[in-house]
Every structure is written in structure tokens, then in C-alpha cells.
Amino acid sequence: MLKKKWRSRAVAGLALGAAVVAIPLTAGSASADSASPRWRYYASYTSEVRCQTAGNTLAQQGKITAFQCNARIVNGARHAQLFVR
């Protein structure tokens, strides 16, 4: 029982950490700048936590400048799609 609580706390902490990093990365300016790159689809994940983790990893590696995870229901299952700039 103790192991299950530890896992759920770790997942919650990871999700919170990902959100703290993701919000400044996706916040950008409010003006519509035509020079800014467009959002492009990168991958789908079975959970939003995995999507956030993948986006954070790509950003830390310098491969992208911003990312978004969009949740969708596909065949009754929840998936998260990663879009990057």
C-alpha cells in the first residue's frame, strides 16, 4: 500500500513540475507575429504526463522553443498530442 502512495505522489509531483515549466514555454507574446514558426504535430502519448515530459525533454535539449499538449479522446481512451515550435 505504501508503494502505491509513493508512485501516485511521484506522478503528481512530475505533473506539477511539468506544468511549471510548460506554462512559461507556451506563454509567448499576445501579438500575431508572422515570423514566428507554426505549431506542428510531433507525437501522441497515452497520458498527459508523458506528453509533458517529452515536451520538457525536447525543450531542455534545445530541439524546440515551445510545446503544447492537447488532450483528446480516441476510441474511448484519453490521449495527449504533442505540438511543438
C-alpha atoms as a PDB file:
ATOM      1  CA  MET A   1       0.000   0.000   0.000  1.00  0.00           C
ATOM      2  CA  LEU A   2       2.825   2.394   0.824  1.00  0.00           C
ATOM      3  CA  LYS A   3       4.418   1.801  -2.573  1.00  0.00           C
ATOM      4  CA  LYS A   4       1.217   2.774  -4.386  1.00  0.00           C
ATOM      5  CA  LYS A   5       1.001   6.077  -2.465  1.00  0.00           C
ATOM      6  CA  TRP A   6       4.629   6.846  -3.314  1.00  0.00           C
ATOM      7  CA  ARG A   7       4.002   6.252  -7.025  1.00  0.00           C
ATOM      8  CA  SER A   8       0.921   8.440  -7.134  1.00  0.00           C
ATOM      9  CA  ARG A   9       2.751  11.233  -5.315  1.00  0.00           C
ATOM     10  CA  ALA A  10       5.677  10.954  -7.717  1.00  0.00           C
ATOM     11  CA  VAL A  11       3.354  11.177 -10.726  1.00  0.00           C
ATOM     12  CA  ALA A  12       1.540  14.160  -9.218  1.00  0.00           C
ATOM     13  CA  GLY A  13       4.857  15.881  -8.498  1.00  0.00           C
ATOM     14  CA  LEU A  14       6.074  15.216 -12.028  1.00  0.00           C
ATOM     15  CA  ALA A  15       2.865  16.614 -13.497  1.00  0.00           C
ATOM     16  CA  LEU A  16       3.130  19.725 -11.338  1.00  0.00           C
ATOM     17  CA  GLY A  17       6.782  20.213 -12.276  1.00  0.00           C
ATOM     18  CA  ALA A  18       5.964  19.793 -15.949  1.00  0.00           C
ATOM     19  CA  ALA A  19       3.187  22.375 -15.696  1.00  0.00           C
ATOM     20  CA  VAL A  20       5.515  24.873 -14.004  1.00  0.00           C
ATOM     21  CA  VAL A  21       7.971  24.549 -16.885  1.00  0.00           C
ATOM     22  CA  ALA A  22       5.343  24.293 -19.648  1.00  0.00           C
ATOM     23  CA  ILE A  23       3.425  27.472 -18.820  1.00  0.00           C
ATOM     24  CA  PRO A  24       6.338  29.880 -19.451  1.00  0.00           C
ATOM     25  CA  LEU A  25       7.379  27.907 -22.556  1.00  0.00           C
ATOM     26  CA  THR A  26       3.930  28.138 -24.139  1.00  0.00           C
ATOM     27  CA  ALA A  27       3.074  31.671 -22.938  1.00  0.00           C
ATOM     28  CA  GLY A  28       4.752  33.813 -25.668  1.00  0.00           C
ATOM     29  CA  SER A  29       3.576  37.232 -26.769  1.00  0.00           C
ATOM     30  CA  ALA A  30      -0.053  38.055 -27.473  1.00  0.00           C
ATOM     31  CA  SER A  31       0.677  39.654 -30.828  1.00  0.00           C
ATOM     32  CA  ALA A  32       0.291  37.613 -34.002  1.00  0.00           C
ATOM     33  CA  ASP A  33       3.819  37.637 -35.356  1.00  0.00           C
ATOM     34  CA  SER A  34       4.000  36.250 -38.900  1.00  0.00           C
ATOM     35  CA  ALA A  35       7.712  35.455 -38.444  1.00  0.00           C
ATOM     36  CA  SER A  36       7.081  33.009 -35.591  1.00  0.00           C
ATOM     37  CA  PRO A  37       7.073  29.349 -36.620  1.00  0.00           C
ATOM     38  CA  ARG A  38       3.795  27.472 -36.795  1.00  0.00           C
ATOM     39  CA  TRP A  39       2.764  24.711 -34.436  1.00  0.00           C
ATOM     40  CA  ARG A  40       3.466  21.243 -35.832  1.00  0.00           C
ATOM     41  CA  TYR A  41       2.355  17.841 -34.647  1.00  0.00           C
ATOM     42  CA  TYR A  42       5.133  15.798 -33.027  1.00  0.00           C
ATOM     43  CA  ALA A  43       3.650  12.662 -31.371  1.00  0.00           C
ATOM     44  CA  SER A  44       0.781  11.132 -29.375  1.00  0.00           C
ATOM     45  CA  TYR A  45       1.060   9.789 -25.834  1.00  0.00           C
ATOM     46  CA  THR A  46      -1.168   7.660 -23.637  1.00  0.00           C
ATOM     47  CA  SER A  47      -1.084  10.196 -20.813  1.00  0.00           C
ATOM     48  CA  GLU A  48      -0.697  13.931 -20.411  1.00  0.00           C
ATOM     49  CA  VAL A  49       2.214  13.400 -18.001  1.00  0.00           C
ATOM     50  CA  ARG A  50       4.179  11.526 -20.680  1.00  0.00           C
ATOM     51  CA  CYS A  51       3.384  14.263 -23.187  1.00  0.00           C
ATOM     52  CA  GLN A  52       4.588  16.992 -20.807  1.00  0.00           C
ATOM     53  CA  THR A  53       7.726  15.002 -20.003  1.00  0.00           C
ATOM     54  CA  ALA A  54       8.544  14.557 -23.702  1.00  0.00           C
ATOM     55  CA  GLY A  55       7.961  18.258 -24.389  1.00  0.00           C
ATOM     56  CA  ASN A  56      10.164  19.297 -21.461  1.00  0.00           C
ATOM     57  CA  THR A  57      12.924  16.947 -22.594  1.00  0.00           C
ATOM     58  CA  LEU A  58      12.875  18.322 -26.151  1.00  0.00           C
ATOM     59  CA  ALA A  59      12.929  21.904 -24.830  1.00  0.00           C
ATOM     60  CA  GLN A  60      15.832  21.197 -22.470  1.00  0.00           C
ATOM     61  CA  GLN A  61      17.769  19.630 -25.346  1.00  0.00           C
ATOM     62  CA  GLY A  62      17.203  22.808 -27.380  1.00  0.00           C
ATOM     63  CA  LYS A  63      15.348  20.975 -30.159  1.00  0.00           C
ATOM     64  CA  ILE A  64      12.183  23.098 -29.755  1.00  0.00           C
ATOM     65  CA  THR A  65      11.322  26.523 -28.373  1.00  0.00           C
ATOM     66  CA  ALA A  66       7.763  25.818 -27.178  1.00  0.00           C
ATOM     67  CA  PHE A  67       5.265  22.974 -26.878  1.00  0.00           C
ATOM     68  CA  GLN A  68       1.619  22.207 -26.086  1.00  0.00           C
ATOM     69  CA  CYS A  69      -0.107  19.007 -25.038  1.00  0.00           C
ATOM     70  CA  ASN A  70      -3.694  18.725 -26.268  1.00  0.00           C
ATOM     71  CA  ALA A  71      -5.884  16.013 -24.724  1.00  0.00           C
ATOM     72  CA  ARG A  72      -8.224  14.041 -26.983  1.00  0.00           C
ATOM     73  CA  ILE A  73     -10.499  11.040 -26.665  1.00  0.00           C
ATOM     74  CA  VAL A  74      -9.681   8.369 -29.283  1.00  0.00           C
ATOM     75  CA  ASN A  75     -11.798   5.190 -29.334  1.00  0.00           C
ATOM     76  CA  GLY A  76     -12.880   5.845 -25.754  1.00  0.00           C
ATOM     77  CA  ALA A  77      -9.320   6.278 -24.447  1.00  0.00           C
ATOM     78  CA  ARG A  78      -7.740   9.588 -23.478  1.00  0.00           C
ATOM     79  CA  HIS A  79      -4.596  10.536 -25.414  1.00  0.00           C
ATOM     80  CA  ALA A  80      -2.393  13.625 -25.438  1.00  0.00           C
ATOM     81  CA  GLN A  81      -0.986  15.055 -28.648  1.00  0.00           C
ATOM     82  CA  LEU A  82       2.283  16.977 -28.526  1.00  0.00           C
ATOM     83  CA  PHE A  83       2.594  20.051 -30.765  1.00  0.00           C
ATOM     84  CA  VAL A  84       5.926  21.863 -30.967  1.00  0.00           C
ATOM     85  CA  ARG A  85       7.550  25.011 -32.341  1.00  0.00           C
END
